[in-house]
C-alpha atoms as a PDB file:
ATOM      1  CA  MET A   1      -8.746 -13.295   5.825  1.00  0.00           C
ATOM      2  CA  LYS A   2     -11.654 -15.600   5.266  1.00  0.00           C
ATOM      3  CA  ARG A   3     -13.004 -15.555   1.330  1.00  0.00           C
ATOM      4  CA  ASN A   4     -16.163 -16.745   1.904  1.00  0.00           C
ATOM      5  CA  ARG A   5     -17.013 -13.670   3.762  1.00  0.00           C
ATOM      6  CA  PRO A   6     -19.686 -11.595   2.078  1.00  0.00           C
ATOM      7  CA  PHE A   7     -18.775  -8.359   0.363  1.00  0.00           C
ATOM      8  CA  GLN A   8     -20.497  -4.850   1.507  1.00  0.00           C
ATOM      9  CA  TYR A   9     -18.906  -2.746  -0.947  1.00  0.00           C
ATOM     10  CA  ILE A  10     -18.630  -4.728  -4.032  1.00  0.00           C
ATOM     11  CA  LYS A  11     -20.604  -7.189  -5.995  1.00  0.00           C
ATOM     12  CA  LEU A  12     -19.134 -10.240  -7.913  1.00  0.00           C
ATOM     13  CA  GLU A  13     -21.234 -11.785 -10.370  1.00  0.00           C
ATOM     14  CA  PHE A  14     -20.467 -14.435 -13.023  1.00  0.00           C
ATOM     15  CA  THR A  15     -21.802 -14.913 -16.494  1.00  0.00           C
ATOM     16  CA  GLU A  16     -20.659 -17.964 -18.514  1.00  0.00           C
ATOM     17  CA  SER A  17     -16.874 -17.067 -18.843  1.00  0.00           C
ATOM     18  CA  VAL A  18     -16.953 -13.676 -17.385  1.00  0.00           C
ATOM     19  CA  ALA A  19     -16.579 -12.188 -13.806  1.00  0.00           C
ATOM     20  CA  ARG A  20     -18.098  -8.924 -13.139  1.00  0.00           C
ATOM     21  CA  LEU A  21     -16.612  -6.591 -10.038  1.00  0.00           C
ATOM     22  CA  THR A  22     -18.921  -3.840  -9.664  1.00  0.00           C
ATOM     23  CA  MET A  23     -17.964  -1.219  -7.124  1.00  0.00           C
ATOM     24  CA  ASN A  24     -21.192  -0.042  -5.103  1.00  0.00           C
ATOM     25  CA  ARG A  25     -20.621   2.356  -2.781  1.00  0.00           C
ATOM     26  CA  PRO A  26     -22.935   5.332  -4.010  1.00  0.00           C
ATOM     27  CA  PRO A  27     -22.606   8.243  -4.805  1.00  0.00           C
ATOM     28  CA  TYR A  28     -18.816   8.393  -5.183  1.00  0.00           C
ATOM     29  CA  ASN A  29     -17.442   5.056  -4.680  1.00  0.00           C
ATOM     30  CA  VAL A  30     -14.929   6.355  -2.295  1.00  0.00           C
ATOM     31  CA  LEU A  31     -12.301   3.891  -1.785  1.00  0.00           C
ATOM     32  CA  THR A  32     -11.880   3.042   1.973  1.00  0.00           C
ATOM     33  CA  LYS A  33      -9.328   0.172   3.519  1.00  0.00           C
ATOM     34  CA  ASP A  34     -12.522  -2.006   3.956  1.00  0.00           C
ATOM     35  CA  MET A  35     -13.335  -1.661   0.286  1.00  0.00           C
ATOM     36  CA  MET A  36      -9.898  -2.023  -1.224  1.00  0.00           C
ATOM     37  CA  GLU A  37      -9.648  -5.358   0.855  1.00  0.00           C
ATOM     38  CA  GLU A  38     -12.817  -6.743  -0.936  1.00  0.00           C
ATOM     39  CA  ILE A  39     -11.421  -5.923  -4.057  1.00  0.00           C
ATOM     40  CA  SER A  40      -8.376  -7.796  -3.617  1.00  0.00           C
ATOM     41  CA  ARG A  41     -10.249 -10.718  -2.074  1.00  0.00           C
ATOM     42  CA  ALA A  42     -12.412 -10.562  -5.147  1.00  0.00           C
ATOM     43  CA  ILE A  43      -9.769 -10.914  -7.315  1.00  0.00           C
ATOM     44  CA  GLU A  44      -7.495 -13.517  -5.794  1.00  0.00           C
ATOM     45  CA  GLY A  45     -10.540 -15.771  -5.768  1.00  0.00           C
ATOM     46  CA  LEU A  46     -10.722 -15.509  -9.448  1.00  0.00           C
ATOM     47  CA  HIS A  47      -7.702 -17.880  -9.403  1.00  0.00           C
ATOM     48  CA  GLU A  48      -9.840 -20.665  -8.321  1.00  0.00           C
ATOM     49  CA  HIS A  49     -12.178 -20.365 -11.418  1.00  0.00           C
ATOM     50  CA  ARG A  50     -10.559 -21.701 -14.599  1.00  0.00           C
ATOM     51  CA  GLU A  51     -13.808 -21.122 -16.768  1.00  0.00           C
ATOM     52  CA  ILE A  52     -13.347 -16.970 -16.306  1.00  0.00           C
ATOM     53  CA  ARG A  53     -11.756 -15.634 -19.431  1.00  0.00           C
ATOM     54  CA  ALA A  54     -12.132 -12.195 -18.727  1.00  0.00           C
ATOM     55  CA  LEU A  55     -12.971  -9.797 -15.642  1.00  0.00           C
ATOM     56  CA  VAL A  56     -14.952  -6.639 -15.775  1.00  0.00           C
ATOM     57  CA  LEU A  57     -14.362  -3.876 -13.300  1.00  0.00           C
ATOM     58  CA  GLN A  58     -16.801  -0.905 -13.434  1.00  0.00           C
ATOM     59  CA  ALA A  59     -19.131   1.312 -11.161  1.00  0.00           C
ATOM     60  CA  SER A  60     -22.685   0.344 -10.379  1.00  0.00           C
ATOM     61  CA  LYS A  61     -25.455   2.314 -11.848  1.00  0.00           C
ATOM     62  CA  GLU A  62     -26.082   4.139  -8.588  1.00  0.00           C
ATOM     63  CA  CYS A  63     -22.527   5.915  -8.582  1.00  0.00           C
ATOM     64  CA  THR A  64     -21.763   8.727 -10.492  1.00  0.00           C
ATOM     65  CA  ALA A  65     -18.174   8.455 -10.222  1.00  0.00           C
ATOM     66  CA  PHE A  66     -16.379   5.500 -11.397  1.00  0.00           C
ATOM     67  CA  SER A  67     -14.448   6.179  -7.890  1.00  0.00           C
ATOM     68  CA  ALA A  68     -13.503   9.639  -6.556  1.00  0.00           C
ATOM     69  CA  GLY A  69     -10.204   8.252  -5.469  1.00  0.00           C
ATOM     70  CA  VAL A  70      -9.179   7.319  -1.432  1.00  0.00           C
ATOM     71  CA  ALA A  71     -11.029   8.369   1.432  1.00  0.00           C
ATOM     72  CA  VAL A  72      -9.004  11.846   2.449  1.00  0.00           C
ATOM     73  CA  GLU A  73      -9.821  10.482   6.329  1.00  0.00           C
ATOM     74  CA  ASP A  74      -7.686   7.342   5.391  1.00  0.00           C
ATOM     75  CA  SER A  75      -4.924   9.279   4.127  1.00  0.00           C
ATOM     76  CA  ARG A  76      -3.905  10.760   7.059  1.00  0.00           C
ATOM     77  CA  PRO A  77      -0.326  10.338   8.637  1.00  0.00           C
ATOM     78  CA  ASP A  78      -1.761   7.870  11.481  1.00  0.00           C
ATOM     79  CA  ARG A  79      -3.553   5.934   8.597  1.00  0.00           C
ATOM     80  CA  ALA A  80      -1.333   5.913   5.774  1.00  0.00           C
ATOM     81  CA  PHE A  81       0.483   2.793   6.041  1.00  0.00           C
ATOM     82  CA  GLN A  82      -2.558   0.801   6.305  1.00  0.00           C
ATOM     83  CA  THR A  83      -4.410   2.244   3.634  1.00  0.00           C
ATOM     84  CA  LEU A  84      -1.433   2.282   1.164  1.00  0.00           C
ATOM     85  CA  GLU A  85      -1.316  -1.380   2.116  1.00  0.00           C
ATOM     86  CA  ALA A  86      -4.670  -2.144   1.083  1.00  0.00           C
ATOM     87  CA  PHE A  87      -4.331  -0.126  -2.131  1.00  0.00           C
ATOM     88  CA  GLN A  88      -0.880  -2.408  -2.726  1.00  0.00           C
ATOM     89  CA  GLY A  89      -3.006  -5.325  -2.172  1.00  0.00           C
ATOM     90  CA  VAL A  90      -5.509  -4.257  -5.118  1.00  0.00           C
ATOM     91  CA  PHE A  91      -2.171  -3.317  -7.317  1.00  0.00           C
ATOM     92  CA  ASN A  92      -0.898  -6.810  -6.635  1.00  0.00           C
ATOM     93  CA  ALA A  93      -4.226  -8.289  -7.161  1.00  0.00           C
ATOM     94  CA  MET A  94      -4.604  -6.711 -10.616  1.00  0.00           C
ATOM     95  CA  LEU A  95      -0.835  -7.557 -11.605  1.00  0.00           C
ATOM     96  CA  ASP A  96      -1.060 -11.434 -10.342  1.00  0.00           C
ATOM     97  CA  ILE A  97      -4.649 -12.050 -12.053  1.00  0.00           C
ATOM     98  CA  SER A  98      -3.801 -13.581 -15.497  1.00  0.00           C
ATOM     99  CA  LYS A  99      -7.076 -13.204 -16.734  1.00  0.00           C
ATOM    100  CA  PRO A 100      -7.335  -9.802 -19.346  1.00  0.00           C
ATOM    101  CA  VAL A 101      -8.888  -7.084 -17.444  1.00  0.00           C
ATOM    102  CA  VAL A 102     -11.410  -4.984 -19.147  1.00  0.00           C
ATOM    103  CA  THR A 103     -12.369  -1.264 -16.977  1.00  0.00           C
ATOM    104  CA  VAL A 104     -15.538   0.234 -17.589  1.00  0.00           C
ATOM    105  CA  VAL A 105     -15.274   4.145 -17.022  1.00  0.00           C
ATOM    106  CA  ASN A 106     -18.523   6.142 -17.295  1.00  0.00           C
ATOM    107  CA  GLY A 107     -17.565   8.943 -15.131  1.00  0.00           C
ATOM    108  CA  PRO A 108     -14.597  10.326 -13.362  1.00  0.00           C
ATOM    109  CA  ALA A 109     -11.893   8.304 -11.960  1.00  0.00           C
ATOM    110  CA  ILE A 110      -9.944  10.648  -9.978  1.00  0.00           C
ATOM    111  CA  GLY A 111      -6.998   9.807  -7.449  1.00  0.00           C
ATOM    112  CA  GLY A 112      -7.207   6.156  -6.405  1.00  0.00           C
ATOM    113  CA  GLY A 113      -9.987   5.893  -8.722  1.00  0.00           C
ATOM    114  CA  CYS A 114      -7.602   6.678 -11.737  1.00  0.00           C
ATOM    115  CA  GLU A 115      -4.852   4.606 -10.462  1.00  0.00           C
ATOM    116  CA  LEU A 116      -7.468   1.477 -10.062  1.00  0.00           C
ATOM    117  CA  ALA A 117      -8.967   1.674 -13.821  1.00  0.00           C
ATOM    118  CA  ALA A 118      -5.122   2.087 -15.178  1.00  0.00           C
ATOM    119  CA  LEU A 119      -4.458  -1.344 -13.647  1.00  0.00           C
ATOM    120  CA  GLY A 120      -6.844  -2.554 -15.982  1.00  0.00           C
ATOM    121  CA  ASP A 121      -5.760  -4.017 -19.573  1.00  0.00           C
ATOM    122  CA  MET A 122      -7.833  -2.265 -21.431  1.00  0.00           C
ATOM    123  CA  ILE A 123     -10.356   1.033 -20.826  1.00  0.00           C
ATOM    124  CA  VAL A 124     -13.637   1.464 -22.364  1.00  0.00           C
ATOM    125  CA  ALA A 125     -15.207   4.476 -21.574  1.00  0.00           C
ATOM    126  CA  THR A 126     -17.812   7.441 -22.518  1.00  0.00           C
ATOM    127  CA  PRO A 127     -17.153  11.070 -22.877  1.00  0.00           C
ATOM    128  CA  LYS A 128     -18.317  11.605 -19.107  1.00  0.00           C
ATOM    129  CA  ALA A 129     -15.583  10.127 -17.993  1.00  0.00           C
ATOM    130  CA  ARG A 130     -12.452  12.101 -16.863  1.00  0.00           C
ATOM    131  CA  PHE A 131      -9.043  11.150 -15.332  1.00  0.00           C
ATOM    132  CA  ALA A 132      -7.026  13.108 -12.659  1.00  0.00           C
ATOM    133  CA  GLN A 133      -4.440  12.563 -10.098  1.00  0.00           C
ATOM    134  CA  PRO A 134      -5.346  15.756  -7.812  1.00  0.00           C
ATOM    135  CA  GLU A 135      -3.268  14.562  -4.794  1.00  0.00           C
ATOM    136  CA  ILE A 136      -0.015  17.199  -5.454  1.00  0.00           C
ATOM    137  CA  ARG A 137      -3.048  20.024  -4.404  1.00  0.00           C
ATOM    138  CA  LEU A 138      -3.258  18.174  -1.118  1.00  0.00           C
ATOM    139  CA  GLY A 139       0.539  18.177  -0.422  1.00  0.00           C
ATOM    140  CA  VAL A 140       1.199  14.575  -1.416  1.00  0.00           C
ATOM    141  CA  TYR A 141       1.786  12.413  -4.554  1.00  0.00           C
ATOM    142  CA  PRO A 142       0.212   9.493  -6.036  1.00  0.00           C
ATOM    143  CA  PRO A 143       2.285   6.438  -5.184  1.00  0.00           C
ATOM    144  CA  LEU A 144       1.171   4.077  -7.593  1.00  0.00           C
ATOM    145  CA  ALA A 145       0.466   6.422 -10.850  1.00  0.00           C
ATOM    146  CA  ALA A 146       4.205   7.699 -10.257  1.00  0.00           C
ATOM    147  CA  VAL A 147       4.778   4.166 -11.470  1.00  0.00           C
ATOM    148  CA  ILE A 148       2.018   3.145 -13.752  1.00  0.00           C
ATOM    149  CA  LEU A 149       0.821   6.239 -15.497  1.00  0.00           C
ATOM    150  CA  PRO A 150       4.329   6.616 -17.106  1.00  0.00           C
ATOM    151  CA  HIS A 151       4.016   3.065 -19.050  1.00  0.00           C
ATOM    152  CA  ALA A 152       0.504   4.031 -20.017  1.00  0.00           C
ATOM    153  CA  ILE A 153       0.639   7.728 -21.657  1.00  0.00           C
ATOM    154  CA  GLY A 154       4.117   8.581 -21.464  1.00  0.00           C
ATOM    155  CA  HIS A 155       6.895   9.987 -19.226  1.00  0.00           C
ATOM    156  CA  LYS A 156       5.961  13.850 -19.655  1.00  0.00           C
ATOM    157  CA  ARG A 157       2.138  13.099 -19.650  1.00  0.00           C
ATOM    158  CA  ALA A 158       2.186  11.223 -16.701  1.00  0.00           C
ATOM    159  CA  LEU A 159       4.548  14.029 -15.087  1.00  0.00           C
ATOM    160  CA  GLU A 160       2.248  16.892 -16.483  1.00  0.00           C
ATOM    161  CA  MET A 161      -1.013  14.944 -14.767  1.00  0.00           C
ATOM    162  CA  ILE A 162       0.768  14.285 -11.409  1.00  0.00           C
ATOM    163  CA  LEU A 163       2.575  17.934 -10.969  1.00  0.00           C
ATOM    164  CA  THR A 164      -0.148  20.440 -11.968  1.00  0.00           C
ATOM    165  CA  GLY A 165      -3.375  17.817 -10.511  1.00  0.00           C
ATOM    166  CA  GLU A 166      -4.955  18.728 -14.192  1.00  0.00           C
ATOM    167  CA  PRO A 167      -7.743  16.180 -15.646  1.00  0.00           C
ATOM    168  CA  LEU A 168      -7.794  14.633 -18.516  1.00  0.00           C
ATOM    169  CA  SER A 169     -10.769  14.508 -20.522  1.00  0.00           C
ATOM    170  CA  ALA A 170     -12.075  11.246 -22.234  1.00  0.00           C
ATOM    171  CA  GLU A 171     -11.221  12.180 -25.489  1.00  0.00           C
ATOM    172  CA  GLU A 172      -7.500  13.348 -24.478  1.00  0.00           C
ATOM    173  CA  ALA A 173      -7.192   9.812 -22.558  1.00  0.00           C
ATOM    174  CA  ALA A 174      -7.998   7.802 -25.485  1.00  0.00           C
ATOM    175  CA  ARG A 175      -5.735  10.038 -27.493  1.00  0.00           C
ATOM    176  CA  LEU A 176      -2.953   9.127 -25.699  1.00  0.00           C
ATOM    177  CA  GLY A 177      -3.748   5.698 -25.215  1.00  0.00           C
ATOM    178  CA  LEU A 178      -5.101   5.361 -21.623  1.00  0.00           C
ATOM    179  CA  VAL A 179      -8.550   4.631 -22.941  1.00  0.00           C
ATOM    180  CA  ASN A 180      -9.034   2.017 -25.780  1.00  0.00           C
ATOM    181  CA  ARG A 181     -12.659   2.371 -27.024  1.00  0.00           C
ATOM    182  CA  LEU A 182     -14.371   5.719 -26.251  1.00  0.00           C
ATOM    183  CA  VAL A 183     -18.144   5.311 -27.213  1.00  0.00           C
ATOM    184  CA  PRO A 184     -21.291   7.180 -26.471  1.00  0.00           C
ATOM    185  CA  GLU A 185     -22.937   6.117 -23.173  1.00  0.00           C
ATOM    186  CA  GLU A 186     -25.636   4.702 -24.835  1.00  0.00           C
ATOM    187  CA  LYS A 187     -23.430   2.232 -26.639  1.00  0.00           C
ATOM    188  CA  LEU A 188     -21.201   1.496 -23.733  1.00  0.00           C
ATOM    189  CA  ASP A 189     -22.872  -2.280 -22.814  1.00  0.00           C
ATOM    190  CA  GLU A 190     -22.807  -3.126 -26.391  1.00  0.00           C
ATOM    191  CA  GLU A 191     -19.304  -1.861 -26.717  1.00  0.00           C
ATOM    192  CA  VAL A 192     -18.057  -3.759 -23.425  1.00  0.00           C
ATOM    193  CA  ALA A 193     -19.655  -6.865 -25.116  1.00  0.00           C
ATOM    194  CA  ASN A 194     -18.112  -6.716 -28.398  1.00  0.00           C
ATOM    195  CA  VAL A 195     -14.694  -6.481 -26.646  1.00  0.00           C
ATOM    196  CA  LEU A 196     -15.766  -9.293 -24.304  1.00  0.00           C
ATOM    197  CA  THR A 197     -16.826 -11.199 -27.325  1.00  0.00           C
ATOM    198  CA  ARG A 198     -13.135 -11.008 -29.144  1.00  0.00           C
ATOM    199  CA  VAL A 199     -11.302 -11.857 -26.237  1.00  0.00           C
ATOM    200  CA  THR A 200     -13.479 -14.946 -24.671  1.00  0.00           C
ATOM    201  CA  GLN A 201     -13.550 -16.506 -27.899  1.00  0.00           C
ATOM    202  CA  GLN A 202      -9.594 -17.050 -27.704  1.00  0.00           C
ATOM    203  CA  SER A 203      -8.084 -19.447 -25.817  1.00  0.00           C
ATOM    204  CA  ALA A 204      -7.507 -18.995 -22.144  1.00  0.00           C
ATOM    205  CA  PRO A 205      -3.945 -20.243 -21.355  1.00  0.00           C
ATOM    206  CA  VAL A 206      -2.826 -18.453 -24.751  1.00  0.00           C
ATOM    207  CA  LEU A 207      -4.555 -15.480 -23.492  1.00  0.00           C
ATOM    208  CA  GLU A 208      -3.003 -15.836 -20.223  1.00  0.00           C
ATOM    209  CA  MET A 209       0.604 -16.380 -21.717  1.00  0.00           C
ATOM    210  CA  ALA A 210       0.305 -13.470 -24.256  1.00  0.00           C
ATOM    211  CA  LYS A 211      -0.718 -10.981 -21.141  1.00  0.00           C
ATOM    212  CA  LYS A 212       2.321 -12.626 -19.023  1.00  0.00           C
ATOM    213  CA  VAL A 213       4.690 -11.911 -21.687  1.00  0.00           C
ATOM    214  CA  LEU A 214       3.243  -8.354 -22.574  1.00  0.00           C
ATOM    215  CA  TYR A 215       3.777  -7.637 -18.289  1.00  0.00           C
ATOM    216  CA  GLU A 216       7.453  -9.545 -17.781  1.00  0.00           C
ATOM    217  CA  THR A 217       9.004  -7.380 -20.580  1.00  0.00           C
ATOM    218  CA  ILE A 218       8.124  -3.959 -19.315  1.00  0.00           C
ATOM    219  CA  GLY A 219      10.996  -2.152 -18.530  1.00  0.00           C
ATOM    220  CA  MET A 220      13.241  -4.804 -19.952  1.00  0.00           C
ATOM    221  CA  PRO A 221      16.115  -3.755 -22.329  1.00  0.00           C
ATOM    222  CA  LEU A 222      15.318  -4.829 -25.762  1.00  0.00           C
ATOM    223  CA  ALA A 223      17.501  -7.426 -26.610  1.00  0.00           C
ATOM    224  CA  GLN A 224      16.490  -9.092 -23.321  1.00  0.00           C
ATOM    225  CA  ALA A 225      12.354  -8.847 -23.754  1.00  0.00           C
ATOM    226  CA  LEU A 226      13.210 -10.356 -27.172  1.00  0.00           C
ATOM    227  CA  ARG A 227      15.010 -13.424 -25.581  1.00  0.00           C
ATOM    228  CA  ARG A 228      12.406 -13.826 -22.936  1.00  0.00           C
ATOM    229  CA  SER A 229       9.632 -13.596 -25.118  1.00  0.00           C
ATOM    230  CA  ALA A 230      11.007 -16.282 -27.192  1.00  0.00           C
ATOM    231  CA  ASP A 231      11.710 -18.309 -24.357  1.00  0.00           C
ATOM    232  CA  ILE A 232       8.183 -18.467 -23.546  1.00  0.00           C
ATOM    233  CA  TYR A 233       6.785 -18.717 -27.257  1.00  0.00           C
ATOM    234  CA  LEU A 234       9.329 -21.951 -27.835  1.00  0.00           C
ATOM    235  CA  ASN A 235       9.363 -23.493 -24.735  1.00  0.00           C
ATOM    236  CA  GLN A 236       5.912 -22.861 -23.044  1.00  0.00           C
ATOM    237  CA  LEU A 237       3.394 -21.632 -25.591  1.00  0.00           C
ATOM    238  CA  MET A 238       4.323 -24.687 -28.067  1.00  0.00           C
ATOM    239  CA  ASP A 239       3.746 -27.313 -25.490  1.00  0.00           C
ATOM    240  CA  LEU A 240      -0.053 -26.257 -25.392  1.00  0.00           C
ATOM    241  CA  SER A 241      -2.699 -28.213 -27.160  1.00  0.00           C
ATOM    242  CA  ASP A 242      -4.232 -25.070 -28.237  1.00  0.00           C
ATOM    243  CA  ALA A 243      -1.251 -23.697 -29.954  1.00  0.00           C
ATOM    244  CA  GLN A 244      -0.670 -26.984 -31.775  1.00  0.00           C
ATOM    245  CA  GLU A 245      -4.449 -26.747 -32.585  1.00  0.00           C
ATOM    246  CA  GLY A 246      -4.606 -22.871 -33.713  1.00  0.00           C
ATOM    247  CA  LEU A 247      -1.932 -23.585 -36.106  1.00  0.00           C
ATOM    248  CA  ARG A 248      -3.291 -26.836 -37.639  1.00  0.00           C
ATOM    249  CA  ALA A 249      -7.029 -25.109 -38.149  1.00  0.00           C
ATOM    250  CA  ALA A 250      -5.092 -22.189 -40.187  1.00  0.00           C
ATOM    251  CA  VAL A 251      -3.256 -24.922 -42.188  1.00  0.00           C
ATOM    252  CA  GLU A 252      -6.755 -26.640 -42.665  1.00  0.00           C
ATOM    253  CA  LYS A 253      -8.623 -23.149 -43.016  1.00  0.00           C
ATOM    254  CA  ARG A 254     -11.250 -23.995 -40.242  1.00  0.00           C
ATOM    255  CA  LYS A 255     -12.072 -22.535 -36.861  1.00  0.00           C
ATOM    256  CA  PRO A 256      -9.925 -23.777 -34.100  1.00  0.00           C
ATOM    257  CA  VAL A 257     -11.594 -25.665 -30.950  1.00  0.00           C
ATOM    258  CA  TRP A 258     -10.062 -24.725 -28.252  1.00  0.00           C
ATOM    259  CA  LYS A 259      -9.390 -27.428 -25.096  1.00  0.00           C
ATOM    260  CA  ASP A 260      -7.981 -24.637 -23.030  1.00  0.00           C
ATOM    261  CA  LYS A 261      -4.973 -26.585 -22.255  1.00  0.00           C
END
């Protein structure tokens, strides 16, 4: 797959240390195989941009939904393998990206759209957002949500979402911890900017290492997870110039100057 091919269904823009991936398939950002392959390709390409400290995943202003999920016609038995493979590519790209991912949800995130939103590291949403996995009503279940939602909102609530198909309101999603920041629509851009400022002012390799530990230790027994975290802290983090600079700056009561190494 050629990385320099132009995108048809998404936009990828760079502003200083932030990359913005905007899904642009109005009106509902229904996910097709081609669109999912574009999303994967865009995210995978960010590995080459060391200057980027965070990724924003959002819908274009022309779309009334974050995403209404995978196209029903692409979910038919004769296409299911290729579609799931494409979605698995997005899943893997999101898991592999070392940079923090901020997902912006200002409308419904349904089915595959809910799974895509949940893959982000942080979600900033408005009251217009709602999250649903209605696949059970079509005689199937959401394969990715069955794995990732229990980690986000707990097994009981994930089971309820998946087995009933009932949606979560933005308020309920925030209460359960799926949504990190819930703000009025007119404050959305400001809040996203605030989150990005707090993230991007940190050391890039330390951000990446912290994210690595959080994801690597999911599901590990507590003692094993603690050992793994301590191992990375002592044998990888402490070798970074920025870790030494941060500790030195704290002692000297000054702001650290990161070298991103």
